[in-house]
C-alpha atoms as a PDB file:
ATOM      1  CA  MET A   1       8.892  -4.557 -79.554  1.00  0.00           C
ATOM      2  CA  GLU A   2       5.732  -3.411 -77.875  1.00  0.00           C
ATOM      3  CA  ASN A   3       2.324  -5.050 -77.768  1.00  0.00           C
ATOM      4  CA  LEU A   4      -0.863  -3.045 -77.614  1.00  0.00           C
ATOM      5  CA  ASP A   5      -4.287  -4.560 -76.893  1.00  0.00           C
ATOM      6  CA  ILE A   6      -6.892  -1.997 -77.942  1.00  0.00           C
ATOM      7  CA  LYS A   7     -10.632  -2.070 -77.318  1.00  0.00           C
ATOM      8  CA  ILE A   8     -12.451  -0.472 -80.263  1.00  0.00           C
ATOM      9  CA  GLU A   9     -15.941   0.985 -79.970  1.00  0.00           C
ATOM     10  CA  GLY A  10     -18.414   1.058 -82.842  1.00  0.00           C
ATOM     11  CA  MET A  11     -17.389  -2.149 -84.604  1.00  0.00           C
ATOM     12  CA  ASN A  12     -20.173  -4.647 -85.260  1.00  0.00           C
ATOM     13  CA  CYS A  13     -19.361  -6.619 -88.420  1.00  0.00           C
ATOM     14  CA  ASN A  14     -16.593  -8.067 -90.572  1.00  0.00           C
ATOM     15  CA  HIS A  15     -16.702  -5.001 -92.818  1.00  0.00           C
ATOM     16  CA  CYS A  16     -15.658  -2.990 -89.752  1.00  0.00           C
ATOM     17  CA  VAL A  17     -12.792  -5.414 -89.139  1.00  0.00           C
ATOM     18  CA  LYS A  18     -11.600  -5.031 -92.745  1.00  0.00           C
ATOM     19  CA  ALA A  19     -11.770  -1.226 -92.559  1.00  0.00           C
ATOM     20  CA  VAL A  20      -9.522  -1.196 -89.473  1.00  0.00           C
ATOM     21  CA  GLN A  21      -7.137  -3.755 -91.010  1.00  0.00           C
ATOM     22  CA  ILE A  22      -6.743  -1.619 -94.129  1.00  0.00           C
ATOM     23  CA  GLU A  23      -5.776   1.437 -92.082  1.00  0.00           C
ATOM     24  CA  LEU A  24      -3.393  -0.489 -89.818  1.00  0.00           C
ATOM     25  CA  GLU A  25      -1.665  -2.033 -92.850  1.00  0.00           C
ATOM     26  CA  LYS A  26      -0.563   1.476 -93.829  1.00  0.00           C
ATOM     27  CA  LEU A  27       1.681   1.530 -90.725  1.00  0.00           C
ATOM     28  CA  GLU A  28       4.988  -0.290 -90.245  1.00  0.00           C
ATOM     29  CA  LEU A  29       3.669  -2.842 -87.766  1.00  0.00           C
ATOM     30  CA  ASN A  30       5.240  -6.202 -86.988  1.00  0.00           C
ATOM     31  CA  SER A  31       1.805  -7.783 -86.726  1.00  0.00           C
ATOM     32  CA  SER A  32      -1.826  -6.942 -86.147  1.00  0.00           C
ATOM     33  CA  LYS A  33      -4.894  -9.019 -85.438  1.00  0.00           C
ATOM     34  CA  VAL A  34      -8.253  -7.308 -85.677  1.00  0.00           C
ATOM     35  CA  GLU A  35     -11.524  -8.761 -84.423  1.00  0.00           C
ATOM     36  CA  ILE A  36     -14.901  -7.178 -83.832  1.00  0.00           C
ATOM     37  CA  GLY A  37     -14.360  -4.780 -80.940  1.00  0.00           C
ATOM     38  CA  LYS A  38     -10.601  -5.139 -80.530  1.00  0.00           C
ATOM     39  CA  ALA A  39      -7.162  -5.156 -82.085  1.00  0.00           C
ATOM     40  CA  VAL A  40      -3.866  -6.616 -80.913  1.00  0.00           C
ATOM     41  CA  VAL A  41      -0.844  -4.919 -82.431  1.00  0.00           C
ATOM     42  CA  GLU A  42       2.901  -5.611 -82.183  1.00  0.00           C
ATOM     43  CA  PHE A  43       5.137  -2.743 -83.232  1.00  0.00           C
ATOM     44  CA  ASP A  44       8.566  -1.139 -82.890  1.00  0.00           C
ATOM     45  CA  SER A  45       8.109   2.099 -80.949  1.00  0.00           C
ATOM     46  CA  ASN A  46      11.075   3.572 -82.823  1.00  0.00           C
ATOM     47  CA  LEU A  47       9.097   3.309 -86.074  1.00  0.00           C
ATOM     48  CA  VAL A  48       5.465   3.711 -84.988  1.00  0.00           C
ATOM     49  CA  LYS A  49       3.967   5.633 -82.073  1.00  0.00           C
ATOM     50  CA  LYS A  50       0.861   4.535 -80.173  1.00  0.00           C
ATOM     51  CA  GLU A  51      -0.890   7.705 -81.304  1.00  0.00           C
ATOM     52  CA  ASP A  52      -0.310   6.676 -84.946  1.00  0.00           C
ATOM     53  CA  ILE A  53      -2.128   3.415 -84.250  1.00  0.00           C
ATOM     54  CA  TYR A  54      -5.022   5.172 -82.511  1.00  0.00           C
ATOM     55  CA  SER A  55      -5.234   7.660 -85.393  1.00  0.00           C
ATOM     56  CA  ALA A  56      -5.391   4.833 -87.952  1.00  0.00           C
ATOM     57  CA  ILE A  57      -8.341   3.292 -86.101  1.00  0.00           C
ATOM     58  CA  GLU A  58     -10.060   6.678 -85.975  1.00  0.00           C
ATOM     59  CA  GLU A  59      -9.401   7.117 -89.703  1.00  0.00           C
ATOM     60  CA  ALA A  60     -11.314   3.872 -90.268  1.00  0.00           C
ATOM     61  CA  GLY A  61     -14.267   5.485 -88.469  1.00  0.00           C
ATOM     62  CA  PHE A  62     -14.047   3.873 -85.056  1.00  0.00           C
ATOM     63  CA  THR A  63     -13.108   4.891 -81.524  1.00  0.00           C
ATOM     64  CA  PRO A  64     -10.116   3.275 -79.810  1.00  0.00           C
ATOM     65  CA  VAL A  65     -10.389   3.145 -76.021  1.00  0.00           C
ATOM     66  CA  LYS A  66      -7.103   4.472 -74.651  1.00  0.00           C
END
């Protein structure tokens, strides 16, 4: 398992949090916790790549800081 602590730019409300959560739930993650401005994700790198996680955040309309 890998853990990824991601700073996310552009988030400023709970609607933003929900939008990111919805996109991350589409991935096979072990767990994810999203707060305004950040996400903590636990995943199996054999199933999900870091770039998939970053892409999901971008799909929600926000910018992950890599």
